[in-house]
Amino acid sequence: MKREDILAVYAAGPDAVVALVERMLATHQVQVAELTARIERLEARLSQDSHNSHKPPSSDGPSKLPPRRSRRKRSGKKSGGQVGHPGATLLQVKEPDTVVPHRASTCPQCQASLASAPSVKQERRQVWDLPTTRPQVTEHQALHLCCPQCQTVTAGQFPADVTQPVQYGPGVKALAVYLQTYQHLPLERTQEYFRDVHQLNLSEGTLVTVQASCAERLVPVEQDIRRGVTEAAVVNFDETGLRVDRKTHWLHVACTAFLTYYALQSKRGRPAMDAIGILPAFQGIAVHDALGGYFTYACSHSLCNAHLLRDLTAVSVRDK
């Protein structure tokens, strides 16, 4: 208010002054309440991390890592294998691959030779070890045979998968795919493994080609997995960011207890989910982390227990 307005109210008498003060106090209280609520929301947002919100662990910077306490309760049992737990102790086999006898050469009592002495007792100890890792080279020969009657020369046929003068076999290819895909070894370390352990110098191009060939042959299996997940009663959905060619992409997963389907997309929300094609046709219960895109589909929904625990953690922290 301007000075003239205040003087006008003053000139109007005590009731006018009281009414003005009451209006100002009411407005002030509303503003204080709004600002207080805003401050609380901002403070709550600043205190959020992956243990009390739906934010991914990757969003926790090194300076924001909270002290973590396991939600598991102590069982009171001693560490190590428990009673009834199946052991993994090595057991001797009846027919070992190699037997190495160890004979004493002379008698320690009288120094007589034991070269022809009969064995009266036998003790057995077995050592489990890996076989030699030298690669085995198999040569295929297509023989050209001359017919004894008409003199026509007919050549034998190589196996369908033997197409080059020199090539790697299915065992090498399968191990390369396993190391890269399941054990997550990068190309260079996969090369080092084959060179150091098997004396094989696989190029990066060979490793990439083997991966692509395996992926192409698994397309029917991938389609069957996607169909099985789409028709399942309950499916867990999630997504996580990763870098592809220096750009952020999203790895989406849809899985049951027995089936897992992965899909790489440049988006995170509904456009990516539509492109994957599972959720648009899904009629079961979708278990997820409450990302907004999931709720746009007409299936049933359930929140992941881990994220429910985060919400409860946030409430308990806010109430303290």
Protein backbone atom coordinates (compact mmCIF):
# COMPACT_ATOMS: atom_id res chain seq x y z
CA MET A 1 0.00 0.00 0.00
CA LYS A 2 1.05 3.55 -0.67
CA ARG A 3 1.41 6.14 2.12
CA GLU A 4 -1.72 7.96 0.95
CA ASP A 5 -3.78 4.76 1.22
CA ILE A 6 -2.57 4.11 4.76
CA LEU A 7 -3.38 7.68 5.84
CA ALA A 8 -6.87 7.33 4.33
CA VAL A 9 -7.50 4.21 6.41
CA TYR A 10 -6.17 5.98 9.52
CA ALA A 11 -8.47 8.91 8.89
CA ALA A 12 -11.43 6.52 8.59
CA GLY A 13 -11.09 5.59 12.23
CA PRO A 14 -10.01 2.68 14.50
CA ASP A 15 -12.32 0.11 12.92
CA ALA A 16 -10.83 0.69 9.50
CA VAL A 17 -7.29 0.31 10.91
CA VAL A 18 -8.20 -2.93 12.70
CA ALA A 19 -9.81 -4.34 9.53
CA LEU A 20 -6.68 -3.52 7.50
CA VAL A 21 -4.36 -5.15 10.04
CA GLU A 22 -6.55 -8.27 10.18
CA ARG A 23 -6.50 -8.60 6.36
CA MET A 24 -2.72 -8.20 6.30
CA LEU A 25 -2.27 -10.81 9.05
CA ALA A 26 -4.52 -13.27 7.22
CA THR A 27 -2.60 -12.76 3.96
CA HIS A 28 0.71 -13.09 5.81
CA GLN A 29 -0.36 -16.38 7.42
CA VAL A 30 -1.36 -17.83 4.05
CA GLN A 31 1.95 -16.81 2.50
CA VAL A 32 3.93 -18.24 5.41
CA ALA A 33 2.04 -21.54 5.14
CA GLU A 34 2.64 -21.75 1.38
CA LEU A 35 6.33 -20.91 1.70
CA THR A 36 6.78 -23.35 4.60
CA ALA A 37 5.19 -26.14 2.56
CA ARG A 38 7.39 -25.27 -0.42
CA ILE A 39 10.53 -25.35 1.72
CA GLU A 40 9.54 -28.76 3.10
CA ARG A 41 9.01 -30.10 -0.42
CA LEU A 42 12.36 -28.77 -1.59
CA GLU A 43 14.18 -30.15 1.46
CA ALA A 44 12.51 -33.53 0.96
CA ARG A 45 13.60 -33.51 -2.69
CA LEU A 46 17.18 -32.68 -1.74
CA SER A 47 17.27 -35.54 0.76
CA GLN A 48 16.05 -38.08 -1.79
CA ASP A 49 18.39 -40.75 -3.08
CA SER A 50 18.07 -44.34 -4.22
CA HIS A 51 17.26 -45.70 -0.74
CA ASN A 52 14.19 -43.52 -0.05
CA SER A 53 12.81 -42.70 -3.52
CA HIS A 54 12.39 -44.18 -6.98
CA LYS A 55 15.64 -42.63 -8.16
CA PRO A 56 18.18 -45.14 -9.57
CA PRO A 57 21.42 -45.80 -7.64
CA SER A 58 23.36 -44.28 -10.53
CA SER A 59 21.92 -40.87 -9.58
CA ASP A 60 23.65 -41.00 -6.18
CA GLY A 61 26.83 -39.00 -6.54
CA PRO A 62 29.87 -39.99 -4.48
CA SER A 63 29.17 -37.13 -2.08
CA LYS A 64 25.52 -38.19 -1.54
CA LEU A 65 25.99 -41.84 -0.70
CA PRO A 66 23.89 -42.39 2.44
CA PRO A 67 24.90 -44.74 5.23
CA ARG A 68 23.32 -48.03 4.28
CA ARG A 69 21.84 -50.45 6.74
CA SER A 70 20.64 -53.83 5.63
CA ARG A 71 16.93 -54.48 6.15
CA ARG A 72 17.66 -58.11 6.87
CA LYS A 73 17.38 -59.27 10.44
CA ARG A 74 20.13 -61.32 12.02
CA SER A 75 19.34 -65.02 12.04
CA GLY A 76 21.59 -65.85 14.97
CA LYS A 77 23.26 -68.62 12.97
CA LYS A 78 27.01 -68.93 12.56
CA SER A 79 28.51 -67.99 9.22
CA GLY A 80 29.32 -70.75 6.75
CA GLY A 81 27.43 -73.82 5.62
CA GLN A 82 24.36 -74.69 7.65
CA VAL A 83 23.13 -78.07 8.79
CA GLY A 84 21.51 -79.87 5.87
CA HIS A 85 23.19 -77.68 3.27
CA PRO A 86 24.44 -79.86 0.37
CA GLY A 87 28.23 -79.86 0.25
CA ALA A 88 30.50 -79.59 -2.77
CA THR A 89 33.40 -81.79 -1.60
CA LEU A 90 35.40 -83.52 -4.31
CA LEU A 91 34.79 -87.27 -4.42
CA GLN A 92 37.03 -89.90 -5.93
CA VAL A 93 35.92 -91.55 -9.17
CA LYS A 94 36.11 -95.28 -9.85
CA GLU A 95 37.69 -94.89 -13.29
CA PRO A 96 40.24 -92.05 -13.41
CA ASP A 97 41.49 -90.80 -16.78
CA THR A 98 45.15 -91.36 -15.89
CA VAL A 99 46.82 -93.58 -13.28
CA VAL A 100 50.35 -92.77 -12.14
CA PRO A 101 51.87 -95.47 -9.86
CA HIS A 102 54.54 -94.45 -7.37
CA ARG A 103 56.93 -97.26 -6.33
CA ALA A 104 59.72 -97.21 -3.82
CA SER A 105 63.02 -98.29 -5.38
CA THR A 106 64.80 -99.80 -2.35
CA CYS A 107 63.89 -101.16 1.05
CA PRO A 108 64.71 -98.61 3.77
CA GLN A 109 65.45 -101.46 6.21
CA CYS A 110 67.93 -103.66 4.28
CA GLN A 111 68.52 -101.59 1.11
CA ALA A 112 67.35 -104.46 -1.12
CA SER A 113 65.89 -103.61 -4.56
CA LEU A 114 62.09 -103.46 -4.75
CA ALA A 115 61.94 -103.49 -8.57
CA SER A 116 60.14 -106.86 -8.70
CA ALA A 117 58.51 -106.79 -5.26
CA PRO A 118 54.75 -107.53 -5.26
CA SER A 119 52.31 -104.86 -4.06
CA VAL A 120 50.57 -105.79 -0.80
CA LYS A 121 48.56 -102.59 -0.32
CA GLN A 122 47.45 -99.63 -2.38
CA GLU A 123 46.63 -96.07 -1.33
CA ARG A 124 44.71 -93.81 -3.71
CA ARG A 125 44.76 -90.03 -4.07
CA GLN A 126 43.15 -88.20 -6.98
CA VAL A 127 43.89 -84.76 -8.41
CA TRP A 128 41.26 -82.92 -10.44
CA ASP A 129 42.80 -80.58 -12.99
CA LEU A 130 42.06 -78.99 -16.33
CA PRO A 131 43.15 -80.74 -19.55
CA THR A 132 45.79 -79.18 -21.76
CA THR A 133 44.45 -76.14 -23.57
CA ARG A 134 46.21 -76.64 -26.91
CA PRO A 135 43.63 -76.25 -29.69
CA GLN A 136 42.81 -79.32 -31.76
CA VAL A 137 43.00 -78.86 -35.54
CA THR A 138 40.72 -81.07 -37.64
CA GLU A 139 41.46 -81.26 -41.38
CA HIS A 140 38.60 -82.04 -43.71
CA GLN A 141 39.58 -83.57 -47.07
CA ALA A 142 37.24 -83.69 -50.03
CA LEU A 143 38.48 -86.62 -52.11
CA HIS A 144 38.09 -86.55 -55.90
CA LEU A 145 37.27 -90.06 -57.08
CA CYS A 146 37.49 -91.34 -60.64
CA CYS A 147 34.71 -93.68 -61.75
CA PRO A 148 36.30 -96.97 -62.93
CA GLN A 149 33.61 -97.43 -65.58
CA CYS A 150 33.12 -94.00 -67.25
CA GLN A 151 36.19 -92.17 -65.88
CA THR A 152 34.03 -89.32 -64.43
CA VAL A 153 35.71 -87.56 -61.51
CA THR A 154 33.37 -86.84 -58.54
CA ALA A 155 34.44 -84.71 -55.59
CA GLY A 156 33.36 -85.36 -52.00
CA GLN A 157 31.39 -82.63 -50.21
CA PHE A 158 32.67 -80.67 -47.22
CA PRO A 159 30.35 -80.31 -44.21
CA ALA A 160 27.94 -77.40 -44.58
CA ASP A 161 29.60 -75.39 -41.79
CA VAL A 162 33.13 -75.83 -43.18
CA THR A 163 33.29 -73.03 -45.73
CA GLN A 164 36.84 -71.64 -45.50
CA PRO A 165 40.35 -73.04 -46.03
CA VAL A 166 41.04 -72.21 -42.36
CA GLN A 167 38.39 -71.26 -39.78
CA TYR A 168 37.47 -71.48 -36.13
CA GLY A 169 35.19 -74.27 -34.97
CA PRO A 170 31.90 -74.11 -33.02
CA GLY A 171 33.65 -74.66 -29.67
CA VAL A 172 35.82 -71.54 -30.07
CA LYS A 173 32.85 -69.48 -31.29
CA ALA A 174 30.57 -70.62 -28.47
CA LEU A 175 33.19 -69.81 -25.82
CA ALA A 176 33.81 -66.35 -27.34
CA VAL A 177 30.09 -65.53 -27.22
CA TYR A 178 29.81 -66.85 -23.65
CA LEU A 179 32.73 -64.77 -22.38
CA GLN A 180 31.49 -61.56 -23.99
CA THR A 181 27.75 -61.93 -23.44
CA TYR A 182 27.46 -63.71 -20.11
CA GLN A 183 30.76 -62.91 -18.40
CA HIS A 184 30.77 -59.34 -19.86
CA LEU A 185 34.38 -59.41 -21.04
CA PRO A 186 35.22 -56.59 -23.48
CA LEU A 187 36.76 -57.40 -26.84
CA GLU A 188 40.36 -56.78 -25.76
CA ARG A 189 40.16 -58.98 -22.67
CA THR A 190 38.45 -61.74 -24.65
CA GLN A 191 41.36 -61.60 -27.08
CA GLU A 192 43.80 -61.79 -24.17
CA TYR A 193 42.04 -64.86 -22.76
CA PHE A 194 42.22 -66.80 -26.02
CA ARG A 195 45.82 -65.76 -26.60
CA ASP A 196 47.06 -66.52 -23.07
CA VAL A 197 45.08 -69.67 -22.36
CA HIS A 198 44.49 -71.30 -25.75
CA GLN A 199 47.25 -69.78 -27.92
CA LEU A 200 44.65 -68.46 -30.37
CA ASN A 201 44.87 -64.95 -31.86
CA LEU A 202 41.26 -63.99 -32.51
CA SER A 203 40.81 -60.56 -34.10
CA GLU A 204 38.18 -58.04 -32.98
CA GLY A 205 36.45 -58.49 -36.31
CA THR A 206 36.15 -62.22 -35.72
CA LEU A 207 34.65 -61.69 -32.26
CA VAL A 208 32.12 -59.16 -33.60
CA THR A 209 31.17 -61.46 -36.48
CA VAL A 210 30.70 -64.41 -34.14
CA GLN A 211 28.42 -62.32 -31.90
CA ALA A 212 26.34 -61.15 -34.86
CA SER A 213 26.03 -64.66 -36.23
CA CYS A 214 24.90 -66.02 -32.87
CA ALA A 215 22.35 -63.20 -32.47
CA GLU A 216 20.92 -63.93 -35.91
CA ARG A 217 20.52 -67.63 -35.14
CA LEU A 218 18.81 -66.82 -31.82
CA VAL A 219 16.09 -64.63 -33.38
CA PRO A 220 13.48 -67.45 -33.25
CA VAL A 221 14.34 -68.10 -29.59
CA GLU A 222 14.06 -64.39 -28.82
CA GLN A 223 10.63 -64.25 -30.44
CA ASP A 224 9.47 -67.25 -28.40
CA ILE A 225 10.68 -65.57 -25.18
CA ARG A 226 8.85 -62.34 -26.01
CA ARG A 227 5.67 -64.27 -26.78
CA GLY A 228 5.96 -66.23 -23.52
CA VAL A 229 6.49 -63.05 -21.47
CA THR A 230 3.56 -61.32 -23.18
CA GLU A 231 1.25 -64.21 -22.32
CA ALA A 232 2.47 -64.60 -18.71
CA ALA A 233 0.22 -63.86 -15.73
CA VAL A 234 2.76 -61.73 -13.81
CA VAL A 235 5.76 -59.94 -15.34
CA ASN A 236 8.43 -57.71 -13.79
CA PHE A 237 9.30 -54.62 -15.85
CA ASP A 238 12.24 -52.27 -15.39
CA GLU A 239 14.62 -50.06 -17.32
CA THR A 240 18.11 -48.72 -16.73
CA GLY A 241 20.31 -46.24 -18.55
CA LEU A 242 23.53 -47.14 -20.34
CA ARG A 243 25.86 -45.52 -22.85
CA VAL A 244 25.84 -46.62 -26.48
CA ASP A 245 28.23 -44.88 -28.86
CA ARG A 246 28.63 -42.06 -26.30
CA LYS A 247 24.88 -41.48 -26.10
CA THR A 248 22.41 -42.37 -23.36
CA HIS A 249 20.15 -45.31 -24.19
CA TRP A 250 17.83 -47.45 -22.07
CA LEU A 251 17.95 -51.18 -21.51
CA HIS A 252 14.40 -52.42 -20.89
CA VAL A 253 13.71 -55.78 -19.28
CA ALA A 254 10.55 -57.86 -18.96
CA CYS A 255 10.95 -61.07 -17.01
CA THR A 256 9.25 -63.90 -15.17
CA ALA A 257 10.77 -66.58 -12.95
CA PHE A 258 11.79 -68.52 -16.08
CA LEU A 259 11.93 -66.05 -18.98
CA THR A 260 13.89 -62.82 -19.45
CA TYR A 261 13.55 -60.47 -22.41
CA TYR A 262 15.91 -57.52 -22.97
CA ALA A 263 15.41 -54.66 -25.42
CA LEU A 264 17.68 -51.69 -26.11
CA GLN A 265 15.93 -48.40 -26.88
CA SER A 266 16.97 -44.76 -27.20
CA LYS A 267 13.90 -43.75 -25.15
CA ARG A 268 12.66 -44.63 -21.67
CA GLY A 269 8.90 -44.07 -21.61
CA ARG A 270 5.88 -45.14 -23.65
CA PRO A 271 7.40 -44.71 -27.15
CA ALA A 272 10.06 -47.27 -26.25
CA MET A 273 7.55 -49.60 -24.58
CA ASP A 274 5.32 -49.45 -27.67
CA ALA A 275 8.29 -50.26 -29.90
CA ILE A 276 9.18 -53.29 -27.77
CA GLY A 277 5.62 -54.54 -28.19
CA ILE A 278 5.06 -56.46 -24.94
CA LEU A 279 3.01 -54.03 -22.83
CA PRO A 280 0.54 -53.03 -25.58
CA ALA A 281 -0.63 -56.66 -25.75
CA PHE A 282 -0.05 -57.59 -22.10
CA GLN A 283 -3.13 -58.58 -20.06
CA GLY A 284 -1.57 -59.78 -16.81
CA ILE A 285 -0.14 -58.00 -13.75
CA ALA A 286 2.75 -55.63 -14.47
CA VAL A 287 5.15 -55.22 -11.54
CA HIS A 288 7.25 -52.07 -11.91
CA ASP A 289 8.78 -49.00 -10.23
CA ALA A 290 5.84 -46.61 -10.79
CA LEU A 291 7.32 -44.93 -13.86
CA GLY A 292 4.46 -42.98 -15.43
CA GLY A 293 4.67 -44.75 -18.79
CA TYR A 294 3.67 -48.10 -17.29
CA PHE A 295 0.35 -46.78 -15.98
CA THR A 296 -0.76 -45.82 -19.49
CA TYR A 297 -1.38 -49.48 -20.34
CA ALA A 298 -4.69 -51.21 -19.61
CA CYS A 299 -3.25 -54.13 -17.65
CA SER A 300 -3.23 -54.62 -13.88
CA HIS A 301 -0.42 -52.94 -11.96
CA SER A 302 1.63 -53.71 -8.86
CA LEU A 303 4.54 -51.78 -7.41
CA CYS A 304 7.87 -53.47 -6.84
CA ASN A 305 8.39 -54.32 -3.16
CA ALA A 306 11.84 -52.74 -3.20
CA HIS A 307 10.32 -49.42 -4.27
CA LEU A 308 7.53 -49.71 -1.70
CA LEU A 309 10.23 -50.09 0.96
CA ARG A 310 11.89 -46.94 -0.37
CA ASP A 311 8.61 -45.04 -0.02
CA LEU A 312 8.21 -46.29 3.55
CA THR A 313 11.80 -45.30 4.26
CA ALA A 314 11.09 -41.81 2.96
CA VAL A 315 8.06 -41.51 5.26
CA SER A 316 10.02 -42.71 8.30
CA VAL A 317 12.86 -40.27 7.55
CA ARG A 318 10.43 -37.34 7.04
CA ASP A 319 8.60 -38.04 10.32
CA LYS A 320 11.78 -37.98 12.39
